[in-house]
C-alpha atoms as a PDB file:
ATOM      1  CA  MET A   1       9.132  -6.391  -7.844  1.00  0.00           C
ATOM      2  CA  ASP A   2       9.922 -10.023  -7.044  1.00  0.00           C
ATOM      3  CA  SER A   3      11.393  -9.008  -3.702  1.00  0.00           C
ATOM      4  CA  ILE A   4       8.184  -7.196  -2.757  1.00  0.00           C
ATOM      5  CA  LEU A   5       6.090 -10.218  -3.720  1.00  0.00           C
ATOM      6  CA  ASN A   6       8.381 -12.521  -1.762  1.00  0.00           C
ATOM      7  CA  LEU A   7       8.112 -10.267   1.282  1.00  0.00           C
ATOM      8  CA  VAL A   8       4.326 -10.312   1.054  1.00  0.00           C
ATOM      9  CA  MET A   9       4.146 -14.049   0.447  1.00  0.00           C
ATOM     10  CA  GLU A  10       6.384 -14.740   3.438  1.00  0.00           C
ATOM     11  CA  ASN A  11       4.125 -12.700   5.709  1.00  0.00           C
ATOM     12  CA  LEU A  12       0.647 -13.672   4.506  1.00  0.00           C
ATOM     13  CA  ASP A  13      -0.336 -14.877   7.962  1.00  0.00           C
ATOM     14  CA  ASP A  14       0.282 -11.372   9.313  1.00  0.00           C
ATOM     15  CA  LEU A  15      -1.845  -9.569   6.722  1.00  0.00           C
ATOM     16  CA  ASP A  16      -5.187  -8.118   7.727  1.00  0.00           C
ATOM     17  CA  PHE A  17      -7.415  -7.971   4.665  1.00  0.00           C
ATOM     18  CA  SER A  18     -10.263  -6.398   6.637  1.00  0.00           C
ATOM     19  CA  ARG A  19      -8.268  -3.249   7.270  1.00  0.00           C
ATOM     20  CA  LEU A  20     -10.314  -0.051   7.043  1.00  0.00           C
ATOM     21  CA  THR A  21      -7.487   2.475   7.159  1.00  0.00           C
ATOM     22  CA  GLU A  22      -4.755   3.330   4.689  1.00  0.00           C
ATOM     23  CA  ILE A  23      -1.238   2.104   5.215  1.00  0.00           C
ATOM     24  CA  THR A  24       0.847   4.788   6.890  1.00  0.00           C
ATOM     25  CA  ILE A  25       4.238   6.211   6.020  1.00  0.00           C
ATOM     26  CA  LYS A  26       5.549   4.676   9.238  1.00  0.00           C
ATOM     27  CA  GLU A  27       4.294   1.226   8.237  1.00  0.00           C
ATOM     28  CA  VAL A  28       5.991   1.530   4.852  1.00  0.00           C
ATOM     29  CA  LYS A  29       9.253   2.671   6.426  1.00  0.00           C
ATOM     30  CA  ASP A  30       9.080  -0.145   8.992  1.00  0.00           C
ATOM     31  CA  LEU A  31       9.609  -2.622   6.147  1.00  0.00           C
ATOM     32  CA  PRO A  32      13.328  -3.372   5.704  1.00  0.00           C
ATOM     33  CA  MET A  33      13.322  -2.629   1.978  1.00  0.00           C
ATOM     34  CA  PHE A  34      11.850   0.849   2.543  1.00  0.00           C
ATOM     35  CA  LYS A  35      13.507   1.864   5.812  1.00  0.00           C
ATOM     36  CA  HIS A  36      15.845   4.308   4.052  1.00  0.00           C
ATOM     37  CA  TYR A  37      13.017   6.038   2.130  1.00  0.00           C
ATOM     38  CA  SER A  38      12.100   9.635   2.820  1.00  0.00           C
ATOM     39  CA  ASP A  39       8.528  10.421   3.824  1.00  0.00           C
ATOM     40  CA  ALA A  40       7.856  11.630   0.263  1.00  0.00           C
ATOM     41  CA  GLU A  41       9.172   8.373  -1.194  1.00  0.00           C
ATOM     42  CA  ALA A  42       7.105   6.337   1.264  1.00  0.00           C
ATOM     43  CA  GLN A  43       4.027   8.365   0.302  1.00  0.00           C
ATOM     44  CA  GLU A  44       4.734   7.526  -3.352  1.00  0.00           C
ATOM     45  CA  VAL A  45       4.854   3.822  -2.432  1.00  0.00           C
ATOM     46  CA  ILE A  46       1.419   4.222  -0.845  1.00  0.00           C
ATOM     47  CA  ARG A  47       0.034   6.018  -3.909  1.00  0.00           C
ATOM     48  CA  THR A  48       1.473   3.327  -6.189  1.00  0.00           C
ATOM     49  CA  LEU A  49       0.006   0.489  -4.119  1.00  0.00           C
ATOM     50  CA  LYS A  50      -3.398   2.169  -4.076  1.00  0.00           C
ATOM     51  CA  ARG A  51      -3.348   2.639  -7.854  1.00  0.00           C
ATOM     52  CA  PHE A  52      -2.177  -0.937  -8.411  1.00  0.00           C
ATOM     53  CA  SER A  53      -5.001  -2.175  -6.177  1.00  0.00           C
ATOM     54  CA  GLU A  54      -7.547  -0.113  -8.101  1.00  0.00           C
ATOM     55  CA  ILE A  55      -6.336  -1.602 -11.398  1.00  0.00           C
ATOM     56  CA  ILE A  56      -6.559  -5.149 -10.053  1.00  0.00           C
ATOM     57  CA  VAL A  57     -10.084  -4.635  -8.687  1.00  0.00           C
ATOM     58  CA  GLN A  58     -11.279  -2.967 -11.899  1.00  0.00           C
ATOM     59  CA  ASP A  59      -9.822  -5.795 -13.979  1.00  0.00           C
ATOM     60  CA  HIS A  60     -11.472  -8.386 -11.755  1.00  0.00           C
ATOM     61  CA  PHE A  61     -14.912  -6.805 -12.107  1.00  0.00           C
ATOM     62  CA  LYS A  62     -14.434  -6.318 -15.848  1.00  0.00           C
ATOM     63  CA  LYS A  63     -13.635 -10.024 -16.272  1.00  0.00           C
ATOM     64  CA  GLU A  64     -16.489 -10.999 -13.968  1.00  0.00           C
ATOM     65  CA  ASN A  65     -18.952  -8.934 -16.017  1.00  0.00           C
ATOM     66  CA  GLN A  66     -17.677 -10.407 -19.284  1.00  0.00           C
ATOM     67  CA  GLU A  67     -18.218 -13.929 -17.959  1.00  0.00           C
ATOM     68  CA  LYS A  68     -21.851 -13.113 -17.121  1.00  0.00           C
ATOM     69  CA  LYS A  69     -22.645 -11.903 -20.655  1.00  0.00           C
ATOM     70  CA  PRO A  70     -24.216 -14.494 -22.982  1.00  0.00           C
END
């Protein structure tokens, strides 16, 4: 996991947070750490990232709502 975070942190300037489309299998496999993955494995990376993102967003809103309560 640290290697993924390091890869992301090193390339923050290249990230587009306004993206409206899902990451593609090709984009996953273009990353050096995933270049040897099959399409099915790359699809699992995408599913995992989406789920992780959902958890983070849900947690953020949960904490935000708790802070607003008296």
